[in-house]
Each structure stands twice: as C-alpha cells, then as structure tokens.
Amino acid sequence: MVPATLTCPPGWTPHYSGHLASQYKDHYATEYVCLDGSLEDDSTVMNQGNGLLFYFVMTVCGSLPCPPYINDKVVTCVVCSK
C-alpha cells in the first residue's frame, strides 16, 4: 500500500486505489488501510454498534509540508504488487 498517491512505483502493478483510513484518533488506531475507492454502500445493513468504524485520514499542514500537500484534504492511496 502506497499512501498519498494514486499511482504505483515503476515496475509495480496496481490493484486498486482509494482513500487512506484508520480508526478514530481516540480509539487508539493501530493501522492504516487503503479503502477501495469504488466501494458501494449497503443501506440494508443496520448499525448494530459492533465492529470497527473507519475514518478517512486528513492532511494537516505543519505535520505535513504545505505545499505540496493541501490542508484538510483526504489522503489517497493505491495498493500495488510486484
């Protein structure tokens, strides 16, 4: 998984691209994942209050250099293999 881009390095094969996500900051996030940008909502599933909620990772100037980053934007990602 390559964060902050939608393209793979030269010689690598892209599988999907999307948005970087993790648990909420107060929920002790342990890992970042790349959520497929073409996922579809299943409105038939009711919220049971069970399981993990994902939140998009947002840019923050100061933590990241701006430019090239833009403050308060969702971080993109791509999943690649060699």
Protein backbone atom coordinates (compact mmCIF):
# COMPACT_ATOMS: atom_id res chain seq x y z
CA MET A 1 0.00 0.00 0.00
CA VAL A 2 1.40 3.36 -1.03
CA PRO A 3 -0.15 6.39 0.73
CA ALA A 4 -0.57 9.89 -0.69
CA THR A 5 -0.64 8.84 -4.34
CA LEU A 6 -2.87 7.09 -6.87
CA THR A 7 -0.03 5.58 -8.93
CA CYS A 8 2.32 2.68 -8.27
CA PRO A 9 6.10 2.90 -8.48
CA PRO A 10 7.65 1.88 -11.82
CA GLY A 11 7.57 -1.90 -12.30
CA TRP A 12 4.70 -2.42 -9.84
CA THR A 13 1.13 -3.47 -10.73
CA PRO A 14 -1.83 -1.50 -9.31
CA HIS A 15 -4.74 -3.49 -7.87
CA TYR A 16 -6.98 -0.67 -6.67
CA SER A 17 -6.82 2.89 -5.43
CA GLY A 18 -8.87 4.79 -2.92
CA HIS A 19 -8.59 6.66 0.36
CA LEU A 20 -6.42 6.13 3.41
CA ALA A 21 -8.46 5.29 6.54
CA SER A 22 -8.00 4.23 10.14
CA GLN A 23 -9.81 4.14 13.45
CA TYR A 24 -10.74 7.42 15.12
CA LYS A 25 -7.78 9.07 16.85
CA ASP A 26 -9.26 8.48 20.31
CA HIS A 27 -9.86 4.81 19.53
CA TYR A 28 -6.13 4.01 19.56
CA ALA A 29 -5.61 3.43 15.85
CA THR A 30 -3.01 0.77 15.21
CA GLU A 31 -3.07 0.50 11.44
CA TYR A 32 -3.85 2.41 8.28
CA VAL A 33 -5.70 0.75 5.39
CA CYS A 34 -6.44 1.73 1.82
CA LEU A 35 -10.22 1.60 1.28
CA ASP A 36 -11.18 0.83 -2.31
CA GLY A 37 -12.48 3.98 -3.99
CA SER A 38 -15.18 2.02 -5.82
CA LEU A 39 -16.83 0.51 -2.72
CA GLU A 40 -20.60 0.70 -2.63
CA ASP A 41 -22.84 1.47 0.33
CA ASP A 42 -25.12 -1.29 1.62
CA SER A 43 -28.05 0.65 3.07
CA THR A 44 -29.80 -2.61 4.05
CA VAL A 45 -27.33 -3.17 6.89
CA MET A 46 -28.38 -1.54 10.14
CA ASN A 47 -25.83 -0.14 12.58
CA GLN A 48 -25.52 -2.68 15.38
CA GLY A 49 -22.83 -0.72 17.22
CA ASN A 50 -20.48 -3.67 16.76
CA GLY A 51 -17.18 -3.63 14.97
CA LEU A 52 -14.73 -1.03 13.80
CA LEU A 53 -15.59 2.34 12.32
CA PHE A 54 -13.24 3.69 9.67
CA TYR A 55 -12.45 7.38 9.28
CA PHE A 56 -10.65 8.99 6.37
CA VAL A 57 -7.15 10.27 7.12
CA MET A 58 -6.95 14.03 6.58
CA THR A 59 -3.93 16.21 5.87
CA VAL A 60 -2.75 18.75 8.44
CA CYS A 61 -0.29 21.46 7.46
CA GLY A 62 2.56 21.62 9.92
CA SER A 63 2.60 17.84 10.32
CA LEU A 64 2.99 17.71 6.53
CA PRO A 65 4.71 20.25 4.30
CA CYS A 66 2.21 22.54 2.59
CA PRO A 67 2.78 22.74 -0.33
CA PRO A 68 2.85 20.15 -1.85
CA TYR A 69 0.03 18.99 0.47
CA ILE A 70 -3.19 20.97 0.93
CA ASN A 71 -4.61 21.33 4.43
CA ASP A 72 -7.74 19.35 5.39
CA LYS A 73 -7.87 17.03 2.36
CA VAL A 74 -8.49 13.27 2.37
CA VAL A 75 -5.28 11.29 1.76
CA THR A 76 -5.37 9.00 -1.29
CA CYS A 77 -3.66 5.62 -1.61
CA VAL A 78 -3.01 2.76 -4.02
CA VAL A 79 -2.46 -0.97 -3.46
CA CYS A 80 0.32 -2.41 -5.64
CA SER A 81 2.20 -5.67 -6.08
CA LYS A 82 5.44 -6.60 -7.79
